[in-house]
Amino acid sequence: MTVNVKKEHIDLGVRGKGILCPVSIALNVHLDREKNYALCGRRIILLIQRKPFLLLHSFLLPQKAQRFVKDFEAGKEVKSLVFEVEEV
């Protein structure tokens, strides 16, 4: 799966909130938010079903995406990013 994190996702991102990480925002625009959402951590992305609560997929972030998340969380400037993820 290709993830395309754009400037508008970065601008909407909130540090310390996995569901509002720019990576999560980039994925959530493609989901039916009534049913599912993406949650980003420093190394993985979880795709979660709301009701009933269920983990649908987990994806390992590549190194460049891990650096992006780490830098974003540290308050450093980050730029748009495109990367591929594979299901774990």
Protein backbone atom coordinates (compact mmCIF):
# COMPACT_ATOMS: atom_id res chain seq x y z
CA MET A 1 0.00 0.00 0.00
CA THR A 2 1.27 3.46 -0.88
CA VAL A 3 0.97 6.23 1.71
CA ASN A 4 1.22 9.83 0.47
CA VAL A 5 1.65 12.32 3.33
CA LYS A 6 1.05 15.79 1.91
CA LYS A 7 1.64 19.27 3.32
CA GLU A 8 -2.04 19.60 4.28
CA HIS A 9 -1.78 16.40 6.37
CA ILE A 10 1.31 17.78 8.11
CA ASP A 11 -0.46 21.10 8.77
CA LEU A 12 -3.41 19.26 10.36
CA GLY A 13 -1.19 16.95 12.44
CA VAL A 14 -1.13 17.10 16.24
CA ARG A 15 1.91 15.92 18.20
CA GLY A 16 1.29 13.23 20.78
CA LYS A 17 -2.00 12.07 19.23
CA GLY A 18 -1.54 8.90 17.15
CA ILE A 19 -4.87 9.30 15.40
CA LEU A 20 -3.88 12.87 14.42
CA CYS A 21 -0.37 12.06 13.22
CA PRO A 22 0.07 13.26 9.60
CA VAL A 23 0.51 9.61 8.53
CA SER A 24 -2.83 8.66 10.13
CA ILE A 25 -4.52 11.67 8.56
CA ALA A 26 -3.16 10.70 5.14
CA LEU A 27 -4.63 7.21 5.51
CA ASN A 28 -7.90 8.27 7.11
CA VAL A 29 -8.93 10.35 4.07
CA HIS A 30 -9.34 7.03 2.23
CA LEU A 31 -11.36 5.26 4.95
CA ASP A 32 -15.02 5.24 5.86
CA ARG A 33 -14.42 7.10 9.14
CA GLU A 34 -17.80 5.96 10.50
CA LYS A 35 -16.47 2.37 10.50
CA ASN A 36 -12.66 2.44 10.58
CA TYR A 37 -9.65 4.59 11.42
CA ALA A 38 -5.86 4.49 11.19
CA LEU A 39 -3.65 4.94 14.24
CA CYS A 40 0.04 5.66 13.79
CA GLY A 41 2.80 4.82 16.22
CA ARG A 42 6.53 5.33 15.86
CA ARG A 43 7.02 2.00 14.08
CA ILE A 44 3.61 0.72 13.02
CA ILE A 45 0.26 1.77 11.63
CA LEU A 46 -2.86 0.04 12.92
CA LEU A 47 -6.09 -0.06 10.93
CA ILE A 48 -8.92 -0.39 13.44
CA GLN A 49 -12.62 -1.13 13.07
CA ARG A 50 -14.77 0.96 15.41
CA LYS A 51 -17.75 -1.33 16.19
CA PRO A 52 -17.13 -3.96 17.20
CA PHE A 53 -13.63 -2.79 18.12
CA LEU A 54 -11.29 -4.95 16.06
CA LEU A 55 -7.73 -4.72 14.75
CA LEU A 56 -8.08 -5.17 10.99
CA HIS A 57 -4.48 -4.74 9.82
CA SER A 58 -1.07 -3.73 11.09
CA PHE A 59 1.66 -2.28 8.90
CA LEU A 60 5.34 -1.78 9.66
CA LEU A 61 6.60 1.71 8.83
CA PRO A 62 9.77 1.83 6.72
CA GLN A 63 12.79 3.63 8.19
CA LYS A 64 12.15 6.93 6.38
CA ALA A 65 8.57 7.01 7.71
CA GLN A 66 9.79 6.19 11.23
CA ARG A 67 12.19 9.15 11.01
CA PHE A 68 9.35 11.35 9.73
CA VAL A 69 7.15 10.44 12.74
CA LYS A 70 10.05 10.86 15.19
CA ASP A 71 10.96 14.27 13.73
CA PHE A 72 7.32 15.41 13.67
CA GLU A 73 6.84 14.40 17.30
CA ALA A 74 10.06 16.24 18.24
CA GLY A 75 8.74 19.45 16.69
CA LYS A 76 11.19 19.39 13.80
CA GLU A 77 10.22 20.55 10.34
CA VAL A 78 9.06 17.68 8.11
CA LYS A 79 8.29 17.62 4.42
CA SER A 80 5.82 15.65 2.31
CA LEU A 81 6.58 11.95 2.11
CA VAL A 82 5.52 9.00 -0.04
CA PHE A 83 6.27 5.47 1.11
CA GLU A 84 5.13 1.87 0.79
CA VAL A 85 3.96 -0.28 3.69
CA GLU A 86 3.51 -4.03 3.91
CA GLU A 87 1.12 -5.78 6.22
CA VAL A 88 2.75 -7.44 9.23
